[in-house]
Every structure is written in structure tokens, then in C-alpha cells.
């Protein structure tokens, strides 16, 4: 499912226009992004938790020539699915939607 398909699904389920669904989705994504940028966790009970982690600098290898390269430290986004989402993905129940 891509962003346009998600907007269509939200619009249909919530019985709102596609433009309002697009604004809502963009707002959710921007809010999560802003929280992660501020090093905050975002927990959506039943769905999962978005967080950040810092990867330290390390030495890697260029796969073409095998030479050592330096990989800089960086902050990465992480997602840990909640129990309800995990159960639904693994077919262990949950409410089915039409």
C-alpha cells in the first residue's frame, strides 16, 4: 500500500474527503517526525512505538574493492510493533475489517 492508497482507505473508512484524509495523514507523519527529531518516543497503544537510536561511528568495507571506509555516527528511526499489530499480522485474531 502506498501513500495514495492509504489516503483513499482513510477517506473511505472515516467518510471524509480525500483532501481532508491527506491533510490528516500528513499531519500525523509530521508530528511523529517532529517528535523523533526531538528524541521523543511516540507510542500508539496496540500499534507500536516509534523511537530513535544512535549508531556509533564504525569502519566498514567497500563491497567493490574491499577497502576500509569510515561510516559516521548517526541517529536512526526505529519502530517496534505492538502486541495487537503483531497478533494481527501473524493471524492470531483481532477484529477483521471489510
PDB file of N, CA and C in Angstrom:
ATOM      1  N   UNK A   1       0.858  -1.180   0.000  1.00  0.00           N
ATOM      2  CA  UNK A   1       0.000   0.000   0.000  1.00  0.00           C
ATOM      3  C   UNK A   1       0.898   1.235   0.000  1.00  0.00           C
ATOM      4  N   UNK A   2       0.628   2.145  -0.905  1.00  0.00           N
ATOM      5  CA  UNK A   2       1.394   3.389  -0.932  1.00  0.00           C
ATOM      6  C   UNK A   2       0.576   4.507  -0.254  1.00  0.00           C
ATOM      7  N   UNK A   3       1.145   5.711  -0.240  1.00  0.00           N
ATOM      8  CA  UNK A   3       0.503   6.822   0.467  1.00  0.00           C
ATOM      9  C   UNK A   3      -0.875   7.148  -0.117  1.00  0.00           C
ATOM     10  N   UNK A   4      -0.991   7.165  -1.434  1.00  0.00           N
ATOM     11  CA  UNK A   4      -2.278   7.482  -2.069  1.00  0.00           C
ATOM     12  C   UNK A   4      -3.334   6.444  -1.711  1.00  0.00           C
ATOM     13  N   UNK A   5      -2.951   5.190  -1.704  1.00  0.00           N
ATOM     14  CA  UNK A   5      -3.897   4.127  -1.336  1.00  0.00           C
ATOM     15  C   UNK A   5      -4.308   4.240   0.129  1.00  0.00           C
ATOM     16  N   UNK A   6      -3.360   4.612   0.989  1.00  0.00           N
ATOM     17  CA  UNK A   6      -3.677   4.803   2.404  1.00  0.00           C
ATOM     18  C   UNK A   6      -4.637   5.974   2.584  1.00  0.00           C
ATOM     19  N   UNK A   7      -4.414   7.050   1.864  1.00  0.00           N
ATOM     20  CA  UNK A   7      -5.321   8.212   1.927  1.00  0.00           C
ATOM     21  C   UNK A   7      -6.723   7.804   1.489  1.00  0.00           C
ATOM     22  N   UNK A   8      -6.820   7.038   0.402  1.00  0.00           N
ATOM     23  CA  UNK A   8      -8.122   6.570  -0.065  1.00  0.00           C
ATOM     24  C   UNK A   8      -8.816   5.701   0.979  1.00  0.00           C
ATOM     25  N   UNK A   9      -8.060   4.811   1.624  1.00  0.00           N
ATOM     26  CA  UNK A   9      -8.632   3.934   2.643  1.00  0.00           C
ATOM     27  C   UNK A   9      -9.125   4.735   3.846  1.00  0.00           C
ATOM     28  N   UNK A  10      -8.338   5.720   4.282  1.00  0.00           N
ATOM     29  CA  UNK A  10      -8.729   6.559   5.414  1.00  0.00           C
ATOM     30  C   UNK A  10      -9.978   7.366   5.060  1.00  0.00           C
ATOM     31  N   UNK A  11     -10.003   7.949   3.882  1.00  0.00           N
ATOM     32  CA  UNK A  11     -11.150   8.746   3.448  1.00  0.00           C
ATOM     33  C   UNK A  11     -12.417   7.908   3.423  1.00  0.00           C
ATOM     34  N   UNK A  12     -12.316   6.707   2.902  1.00  0.00           N
ATOM     35  CA  UNK A  12     -13.483   5.828   2.813  1.00  0.00           C
ATOM     36  C   UNK A  12     -13.957   5.395   4.197  1.00  0.00           C
ATOM     37  N   UNK A  13     -13.028   4.938   5.034  1.00  0.00           N
ATOM     38  CA  UNK A  13     -13.380   4.430   6.363  1.00  0.00           C
ATOM     39  C   UNK A  13     -13.927   5.533   7.264  1.00  0.00           C
ATOM     40  N   UNK A  14     -13.317   6.716   7.199  1.00  0.00           N
ATOM     41  CA  UNK A  14     -13.729   7.826   8.063  1.00  0.00           C
ATOM     42  C   UNK A  14     -14.861   8.655   7.451  1.00  0.00           C
ATOM     43  N   UNK A  15     -15.206   8.314   6.200  1.00  0.00           N
ATOM     44  CA  UNK A  15     -16.255   9.041   5.484  1.00  0.00           C
ATOM     45  C   UNK A  15     -15.960  10.545   5.418  1.00  0.00           C
ATOM     46  N   UNK A  16     -14.727  10.851   4.988  1.00  0.00           N
ATOM     47  CA  UNK A  16     -14.303  12.240   4.789  1.00  0.00           C
ATOM     48  C   UNK A  16     -13.717  12.351   3.384  1.00  0.00           C
ATOM     49  N   UNK A  17     -13.478  13.560   2.948  1.00  0.00           N
ATOM     50  CA  UNK A  17     -12.920  13.753   1.606  1.00  0.00           C
ATOM     51  C   UNK A  17     -11.462  13.294   1.571  1.00  0.00           C
ATOM     52  N   UNK A  18     -10.990  13.011   0.365  1.00  0.00           N
ATOM     53  CA  UNK A  18      -9.598  12.590   0.199  1.00  0.00           C
ATOM     54  C   UNK A  18      -8.644  13.705   0.606  1.00  0.00           C
ATOM     55  N   UNK A  19      -9.019  14.952   0.349  1.00  0.00           N
ATOM     56  CA  UNK A  19      -8.136  16.060   0.714  1.00  0.00           C
ATOM     57  C   UNK A  19      -8.007  16.182   2.230  1.00  0.00           C
ATOM     58  N   UNK A  20      -9.105  15.976   2.955  1.00  0.00           N
ATOM     59  CA  UNK A  20      -9.044  16.013   4.429  1.00  0.00           C
ATOM     60  C   UNK A  20      -8.247  14.828   4.963  1.00  0.00           C
ATOM     61  N   UNK A  21      -8.406  13.670   4.343  1.00  0.00           N
ATOM     62  CA  UNK A  21      -7.641  12.492   4.755  1.00  0.00           C
ATOM     63  C   UNK A  21      -6.151  12.717   4.502  1.00  0.00           C
ATOM     64  N   UNK A  22      -5.816  13.367   3.386  1.00  0.00           N
ATOM     65  CA  UNK A  22      -4.417  13.656   3.063  1.00  0.00           C
ATOM     66  C   UNK A  22      -3.815  14.607   4.093  1.00  0.00           C
ATOM     67  N   UNK A  23      -4.576  15.637   4.459  1.00  0.00           N
ATOM     68  CA  UNK A  23      -4.097  16.586   5.472  1.00  0.00           C
ATOM     69  C   UNK A  23      -3.901  15.873   6.803  1.00  0.00           C
ATOM     70  N   UNK A  24      -4.843  15.015   7.177  1.00  0.00           N
ATOM     71  CA  UNK A  24      -4.739  14.276   8.442  1.00  0.00           C
ATOM     72  C   UNK A  24      -3.508  13.375   8.439  1.00  0.00           C
ATOM     73  N   UNK A  25      -3.299  12.633   7.360  1.00  0.00           N
ATOM     74  CA  UNK A  25      -2.142  11.746   7.282  1.00  0.00           C
ATOM     75  C   UNK A  25      -0.837  12.532   7.308  1.00  0.00           C
ATOM     76  N   UNK A  26      -0.763  13.614   6.541  1.00  0.00           N
ATOM     77  CA  UNK A  26       0.443  14.452   6.536  1.00  0.00           C
ATOM     78  C   UNK A  26       0.726  15.026   7.916  1.00  0.00           C
ATOM     79  N   UNK A  27      -0.338  15.395   8.651  1.00  0.00           N
ATOM     80  CA  UNK A  27      -0.181  15.934   9.999  1.00  0.00           C
ATOM     81  C   UNK A  27       0.345  14.873  10.958  1.00  0.00           C
ATOM     82  N   UNK A  28      -0.174  13.664  10.847  1.00  0.00           N
ATOM     83  CA  UNK A  28       0.300  12.561  11.704  1.00  0.00           C
ATOM     84  C   UNK A  28       1.776  12.288  11.431  1.00  0.00           C
ATOM     85  N   UNK A  29       2.134  12.197  10.158  1.00  0.00           N
ATOM     86  CA  UNK A  29       3.523  11.916   9.794  1.00  0.00           C
ATOM     87  C   UNK A  29       4.449  13.042  10.260  1.00  0.00           C
ATOM     88  N   UNK A  30       4.036  14.289  10.069  1.00  0.00           N
ATOM     89  CA  UNK A  30       4.857  15.429  10.501  1.00  0.00           C
ATOM     90  C   UNK A  30       5.011  15.453  12.025  1.00  0.00           C
ATOM     91  N   UNK A  31       3.953  15.112  12.735  1.00  0.00           N
ATOM     92  CA  UNK A  31       4.009  15.109  14.199  1.00  0.00           C
ATOM     93  C   UNK A  31       4.939  14.023  14.715  1.00  0.00           C
ATOM     94  N   UNK A  32       4.868  12.844  14.116  1.00  0.00           N
ATOM     95  CA  UNK A  32       5.774  11.764  14.513  1.00  0.00           C
ATOM     96  C   UNK A  32       7.212  12.146  14.188  1.00  0.00           C
ATOM     97  N   UNK A  33       7.432  12.705  13.010  1.00  0.00           N
ATOM     98  CA  UNK A  33       8.781  13.119  12.605  1.00  0.00           C
ATOM     99  C   UNK A  33       9.353  14.171  13.546  1.00  0.00           C
ATOM    100  N   UNK A  34       8.527  15.157  13.923  1.00  0.00           N
ATOM    101  CA  UNK A  34       8.983  16.216  14.835  1.00  0.00           C
ATOM    102  C   UNK A  34       9.336  15.641  16.204  1.00  0.00           C
ATOM    103  N   UNK A  35       8.533  14.717  16.687  1.00  0.00           N
ATOM    104  CA  UNK A  35       8.816  14.104  17.993  1.00  0.00           C
ATOM    105  C   UNK A  35      10.121  13.314  17.933  1.00  0.00           C
ATOM    106  N   UNK A  36      10.318  12.555  16.876  1.00  0.00           N
ATOM    107  CA  UNK A  36      11.559  11.778  16.749  1.00  0.00           C
ATOM    108  C   UNK A  36      12.772  12.693  16.611  1.00  0.00           C
ATOM    109  N   UNK A  37      12.612  13.792  15.903  1.00  0.00           N
ATOM    110  CA  UNK A  37      13.705  14.758  15.763  1.00  0.00           C
ATOM    111  C   UNK A  37      14.100  15.322  17.132  1.00  0.00           C
ATOM    112  N   UNK A  38      13.111  15.440  18.027  1.00  0.00           N
ATOM    113  CA  UNK A  38      13.357  15.932  19.389  1.00  0.00           C
ATOM    114  C   UNK A  38      13.755  14.810  20.346  1.00  0.00           C
ATOM    115  N   UNK A  39      14.027  13.629  19.784  1.00  0.00           N
ATOM    116  CA  UNK A  39      14.440  12.451  20.571  1.00  0.00           C
ATOM    117  C   UNK A  39      13.339  11.932  21.496  1.00  0.00           C
ATOM    118  N   UNK A  40      12.086  12.207  21.162  1.00  0.00           N
ATOM    119  CA  UNK A  40      10.954  11.702  21.939  1.00  0.00           C
ATOM    120  C   UNK A  40      10.479  10.379  21.357  1.00  0.00           C
ATOM    121  N   UNK A  41       9.855   9.558  22.202  1.00  0.00           N
ATOM    122  CA  UNK A  41       9.205   8.341  21.747  1.00  0.00           C
ATOM    123  C   UNK A  41       7.769   8.671  21.389  1.00  0.00           C
ATOM    124  N   UNK A  42       7.231   7.956  20.411  1.00  0.00           N
ATOM    125  CA  UNK A  42       5.818   8.087  20.057  1.00  0.00           C
ATOM    126  C   UNK A  42       5.211   6.702  20.199  1.00  0.00           C
ATOM    127  N   UNK A  43       4.292   6.554  21.150  1.00  0.00           N
ATOM    128  CA  UNK A  43       3.668   5.265  21.412  1.00  0.00           C
ATOM    129  C   UNK A  43       2.204   5.318  21.022  1.00  0.00           C
ATOM    130  N   UNK A  44       1.817   4.438  20.127  1.00  0.00           N
ATOM    131  CA  UNK A  44       0.431   4.283  19.719  1.00  0.00           C
ATOM    132  C   UNK A  44       0.003   2.910  20.239  1.00  0.00           C
ATOM    133  N   UNK A  45      -0.703   2.903  21.360  1.00  0.00           N
ATOM    134  CA  UNK A  45      -1.057   1.663  22.039  1.00  0.00           C
ATOM    135  C   UNK A  45      -1.775   0.722  21.068  1.00  0.00           C
ATOM    136  N   UNK A  46      -1.311  -0.515  21.018  1.00  0.00           N
ATOM    137  CA  UNK A  46      -1.879  -1.513  20.135  1.00  0.00           C
ATOM    138  C   UNK A  46      -1.232  -1.524  18.762  1.00  0.00           C
ATOM    139  N   UNK A  47      -0.628  -0.422  18.356  1.00  0.00           N
ATOM    140  CA  UNK A  47       0.011  -0.350  17.040  1.00  0.00           C
ATOM    141  C   UNK A  47       1.516  -0.523  17.164  1.00  0.00           C
ATOM    142  N   UNK A  48       2.161   0.342  17.964  1.00  0.00           N
ATOM    143  CA  UNK A  48       3.596   0.223  18.127  1.00  0.00           C
ATOM    144  C   UNK A  48       4.230   1.493  18.639  1.00  0.00           C
ATOM    145  N   UNK A  49       5.546   1.459  18.743  1.00  0.00           N
ATOM    146  CA  UNK A  49       6.313   2.579  19.270  1.00  0.00           C
ATOM    147  C   UNK A  49       7.392   2.993  18.292  1.00  0.00           C
ATOM    148  N   UNK A  50       7.413   4.285  17.984  1.00  0.00           N
ATOM    149  CA  UNK A  50       8.470   4.875  17.173  1.00  0.00           C
ATOM    150  C   UNK A  50       9.492   5.467  18.138  1.00  0.00           C
ATOM    151  N   UNK A  51      10.770   5.250  17.890  1.00  0.00           N
ATOM    152  CA  UNK A  51      11.813   5.816  18.742  1.00  0.00           C
ATOM    153  C   UNK A  51      13.060   6.047  17.884  1.00  0.00           C
ATOM    154  N   UNK A  52      14.089   6.580  18.518  1.00  0.00           N
ATOM    155  CA  UNK A  52      15.358   6.786  17.823  1.00  0.00           C
ATOM    156  C   UNK A  52      16.465   6.049  18.562  1.00  0.00           C
ATOM    157  N   UNK A  53      17.518   5.750  17.853  1.00  0.00           N
ATOM    158  CA  UNK A  53      18.704   5.141  18.440  1.00  0.00           C
ATOM    159  C   UNK A  53      19.914   5.758  17.756  1.00  0.00           C
ATOM    160  N   UNK A  54      21.007   5.828  18.476  1.00  0.00           N
ATOM    161  CA  UNK A  54      22.234   6.379  17.921  1.00  0.00           C
ATOM    162  C   UNK A  54      23.160   5.243  17.534  1.00  0.00           C
ATOM    163  N   UNK A  55      23.575   5.252  16.290  1.00  0.00           N
ATOM    164  CA  UNK A  55      24.570   4.285  15.824  1.00  0.00           C
ATOM    165  C   UNK A  55      25.925   4.962  15.895  1.00  0.00           C
ATOM    166  N   UNK A  56      26.861   4.323  16.566  1.00  0.00           N
ATOM    167  CA  UNK A  56      28.183   4.929  16.686  1.00  0.00           C
ATOM    168  C   UNK A  56      28.966   4.781  15.386  1.00  0.00           C
ATOM    169  N   UNK A  57      30.000   5.595  15.266  1.00  0.00           N
ATOM    170  CA  UNK A  57      30.855   5.546  14.080  1.00  0.00           C
ATOM    171  C   UNK A  57      31.544   4.184  14.030  1.00  0.00           C
ATOM    172  N   UNK A  58      31.777   3.720  12.809  1.00  0.00           N
ATOM    173  CA  UNK A  58      32.417   2.420  12.677  1.00  0.00           C
ATOM    174  C   UNK A  58      33.171   2.360  11.344  1.00  0.00           C
ATOM    175  N   UNK A  59      33.948   1.314  11.205  1.00  0.00           N
ATOM    176  CA  UNK A  59      34.667   1.098   9.962  1.00  0.00           C
ATOM    177  C   UNK A  59      33.953   0.001   9.186  1.00  0.00           C
ATOM    178  N   UNK A  60      33.682   0.262   7.923  1.00  0.00           N
ATOM    179  CA  UNK A  60      33.034  -0.723   7.068  1.00  0.00           C
ATOM    180  C   UNK A  60      33.935  -1.058   5.899  1.00  0.00           C
ATOM    181  N   UNK A  61      33.435  -1.855   4.988  1.00  0.00           N
ATOM    182  CA  UNK A  61      34.201  -2.254   3.802  1.00  0.00           C
ATOM    183  C   UNK A  61      33.415  -1.898   2.547  1.00  0.00           C
ATOM    184  N   UNK A  62      34.110  -1.330   1.575  1.00  0.00           N
ATOM    185  CA  UNK A  62      33.521  -1.064   0.276  1.00  0.00           C
ATOM    186  C   UNK A  62      33.382  -2.414  -0.421  1.00  0.00           C
ATOM    187  N   UNK A  63      32.159  -2.827  -0.791  1.00  0.00           N
ATOM    188  CA  UNK A  63      31.990  -4.150  -1.394  1.00  0.00           C
ATOM    189  C   UNK A  63      32.666  -4.297  -2.770  1.00  0.00           C
ATOM    190  N   UNK A  64      32.896  -3.186  -3.454  1.00  0.00           N
ATOM    191  CA  UNK A  64      33.547  -3.259  -4.776  1.00  0.00           C
ATOM    192  C   UNK A  64      35.017  -3.609  -4.689  1.00  0.00           C
ATOM    193  N   UNK A  65      35.728  -2.881  -3.821  1.00  0.00           N
ATOM    194  CA  UNK A  65      37.175  -3.086  -3.792  1.00  0.00           C
ATOM    195  C   UNK A  65      37.696  -3.612  -2.461  1.00  0.00           C
ATOM    196  N   UNK A  66      36.824  -3.743  -1.461  1.00  0.00           N
ATOM    197  CA  UNK A  66      37.238  -4.297  -0.183  1.00  0.00           C
ATOM    198  C   UNK A  66      37.994  -3.335   0.710  1.00  0.00           C
ATOM    199  N   UNK A  67      38.153  -2.081   0.279  1.00  0.00           N
ATOM    200  CA  UNK A  67      38.885  -1.108   1.082  1.00  0.00           C
ATOM    201  C   UNK A  67      38.048  -0.672   2.278  1.00  0.00           C
ATOM    202  N   UNK A  68      38.728  -0.364   3.368  1.00  0.00           N
ATOM    203  CA  UNK A  68      38.067   0.101   4.580  1.00  0.00           C
ATOM    204  C   UNK A  68      37.538   1.519   4.373  1.00  0.00           C
ATOM    205  N   UNK A  69      36.333   1.774   4.851  1.00  0.00           N
ATOM    206  CA  UNK A  69      35.758   3.115   4.798  1.00  0.00           C
ATOM    207  C   UNK A  69      35.216   3.469   6.176  1.00  0.00           C
ATOM    208  N   UNK A  70      35.211   4.758   6.466  1.00  0.00           N
ATOM    209  CA  UNK A  70      34.681   5.213   7.748  1.00  0.00           C
ATOM    210  C   UNK A  70      33.200   5.529   7.576  1.00  0.00           C
ATOM    211  N   UNK A  71      32.388   4.984   8.465  1.00  0.00           N
ATOM    212  CA  UNK A  71      30.952   5.255   8.458  1.00  0.00           C
ATOM    213  C   UNK A  71      30.675   6.131   9.676  1.00  0.00           C
ATOM    214  N   UNK A  72      30.130   7.314   9.434  1.00  0.00           N
ATOM    215  CA  UNK A  72      29.900   8.287  10.511  1.00  0.00           C
ATOM    216  C   UNK A  72      28.786   7.836  11.447  1.00  0.00           C
ATOM    217  N   UNK A  73      28.829   8.351  12.666  1.00  0.00           N
ATOM    218  CA  UNK A  73      27.757   8.097  13.629  1.00  0.00           C
ATOM    219  C   UNK A  73      26.496   8.796  13.145  1.00  0.00           C
ATOM    220  N   UNK A  74      25.338   8.205  13.436  1.00  0.00           N
ATOM    221  CA  UNK A  74      24.087   8.851  13.058  1.00  0.00           C
ATOM    222  C   UNK A  74      22.948   8.358  13.927  1.00  0.00           C
ATOM    223  N   UNK A  75      21.873   9.129  13.904  1.00  0.00           N
ATOM    224  CA  UNK A  75      20.658   8.763  14.624  1.00  0.00           C
ATOM    225  C   UNK A  75      19.704   8.134  13.626  1.00  0.00           C
ATOM    226  N   UNK A  76      19.132   6.991  13.997  1.00  0.00           N
ATOM    227  CA  UNK A  76      18.209   6.287  13.111  1.00  0.00           C
ATOM    228  C   UNK A  76      16.846   6.143  13.781  1.00  0.00           C
ATOM    229  N   UNK A  77      15.809   6.092  12.965  1.00  0.00           N
ATOM    230  CA  UNK A  77      14.455   5.878  13.469  1.00  0.00           C
ATOM    231  C   UNK A  77      14.219   4.379  13.616  1.00  0.00           C
ATOM    232  N   UNK A  78      13.488   4.018  14.667  1.00  0.00           N
ATOM    233  CA  UNK A  78      13.166   2.618  14.916  1.00  0.00           C
ATOM    234  C   UNK A  78      11.661   2.485  15.121  1.00  0.00           C
ATOM    235  N   UNK A  79      11.133   1.308  14.836  1.00  0.00           N
ATOM    236  CA  UNK A  79       9.724   1.022  15.088  1.00  0.00           C
ATOM    237  C   UNK A  79       9.626  -0.356  15.706  1.00  0.00           C
ATOM    238  N   UNK A  80       8.909  -0.434  16.818  1.00  0.00           N
ATOM    239  CA  UNK A  80       8.665  -1.718  17.466  1.00  0.00           C
ATOM    240  C   UNK A  80       7.160  -1.946  17.458  1.00  0.00           C
ATOM    241  N   UNK A  81       6.686  -2.968  16.739  1.00  0.00           N
ATOM    242  CA  UNK A  81       5.244  -3.200  16.675  1.00  0.00           C
ATOM    243  C   UNK A  81       4.676  -3.591  18.036  1.00  0.00           C
ATOM    244  N   UNK A  82       3.436  -3.164  18.276  1.00  0.00           N
ATOM    245  CA  UNK A  82       2.741  -3.524  19.497  1.00  0.00           C
ATOM    246  C   UNK A  82       2.184  -4.936  19.396  1.00  0.00           C
ATOM    247  N   UNK A  83       1.718  -5.457  20.521  1.00  0.00           N
ATOM    248  CA  UNK A  83       1.207  -6.828  20.568  1.00  0.00           C
ATOM    249  C   UNK A  83       0.021  -7.018  19.637  1.00  0.00           C
ATOM    250  N   UNK A  84      -0.911  -6.063  19.632  1.00  0.00           N
ATOM    251  CA  UNK A  84      -2.103  -6.197  18.794  1.00  0.00           C
ATOM    252  C   UNK A  84      -1.721  -6.267  17.315  1.00  0.00           C
ATOM    253  N   UNK A  85      -0.819  -5.403  16.871  1.00  0.00           N
ATOM    254  CA  UNK A  85      -0.371  -5.416  15.479  1.00  0.00           C
ATOM    255  C   UNK A  85       0.343  -6.722  15.159  1.00  0.00           C
ATOM    256  N   UNK A  86       1.212  -7.162  16.046  1.00  0.00           N
ATOM    257  CA  UNK A  86       1.927  -8.419  15.826  1.00  0.00           C
ATOM    258  C   UNK A  86       0.968  -9.589  15.711  1.00  0.00           C
ATOM    259  N   UNK A  87      -0.023  -9.619  16.595  1.00  0.00           N
ATOM    260  CA  UNK A  87      -1.010 -10.695  16.558  1.00  0.00           C
ATOM    261  C   UNK A  87      -1.804 -10.676  15.252  1.00  0.00           C
ATOM    262  N   UNK A  88      -2.211  -9.493  14.802  1.00  0.00           N
ATOM    263  CA  UNK A  88      -2.979  -9.385  13.560  1.00  0.00           C
ATOM    264  C   UNK A  88      -2.144  -9.812  12.359  1.00  0.00           C
ATOM    265  N   UNK A  89      -0.893  -9.422  12.322  1.00  0.00           N
ATOM    266  CA  UNK A  89      -0.015  -9.785  11.216  1.00  0.00           C
ATOM    267  C   UNK A  89       0.212 -11.295  11.185  1.00  0.00           C
ATOM    268  N   UNK A  90       0.260 -11.912  12.365  1.00  0.00           N
ATOM    269  CA  UNK A  90       0.513 -13.334  12.455  1.00  0.00           C
ATOM    270  C   UNK A  90      -0.763 -14.177  12.488  1.00  0.00           C
ATOM    271  N   UNK A  91      -1.911 -13.537  12.227  1.00  0.00           N
ATOM    272  CA  UNK A  91      -3.170 -14.275  12.149  1.00  0.00           C
ATOM    273  C   UNK A  91      -3.684 -14.810  13.466  1.00  0.00           C
ATOM    274  N   UNK A  92      -3.375 -14.122  14.553  1.00  0.00           N
ATOM    275  CA  UNK A  92      -3.794 -14.596  15.877  1.00  0.00           C
ATOM    276  C   UNK A  92      -4.990 -13.800  16.396  1.00  0.00           C
ATOM    277  N   UNK A  93      -5.933 -13.540  15.529  1.00  0.00           N
ATOM    278  CA  UNK A  93      -7.137 -12.845  15.982  1.00  0.00           C
ATOM    279  C   UNK A  93      -7.132 -11.408  15.583  1.00  0.00           C
ATOM    280  N   UNK A  94      -7.876 -10.636  16.337  1.00  0.00           N
ATOM    281  CA  UNK A  94      -8.032  -9.239  16.006  1.00  0.00           C
ATOM    282  C   UNK A  94      -9.295  -9.040  15.187  1.00  0.00           C
ATOM    283  N   UNK A  95      -9.820  -7.851  15.230  1.00  0.00           N
ATOM    284  CA  UNK A  95     -11.051  -7.536  14.512  1.00  0.00           C
ATOM    285  C   UNK A  95     -10.757  -7.419  13.025  1.00  0.00           C
ATOM    286  N   UNK A  96     -11.506  -8.135  12.224  1.00  0.00           N
ATOM    287  CA  UNK A  96     -11.354  -8.075  10.766  1.00  0.00           C
ATOM    288  C   UNK A  96     -12.164  -6.930  10.213  1.00  0.00           C
ATOM    289  N   UNK A  97     -11.564  -6.161   9.306  1.00  0.00           N
ATOM    290  CA  UNK A  97     -12.271  -5.052   8.646  1.00  0.00           C
ATOM    291  C   UNK A  97     -12.615  -5.453   7.237  1.00  0.00           C
ATOM    292  N   UNK A  98     -13.711  -4.895   6.751  1.00  0.00           N
ATOM    293  CA  UNK A  98     -14.133  -5.192   5.374  1.00  0.00           C
ATOM    294  C   UNK A  98     -13.381  -4.340   4.393  1.00  0.00           C
TER     295      UNK A  98
END
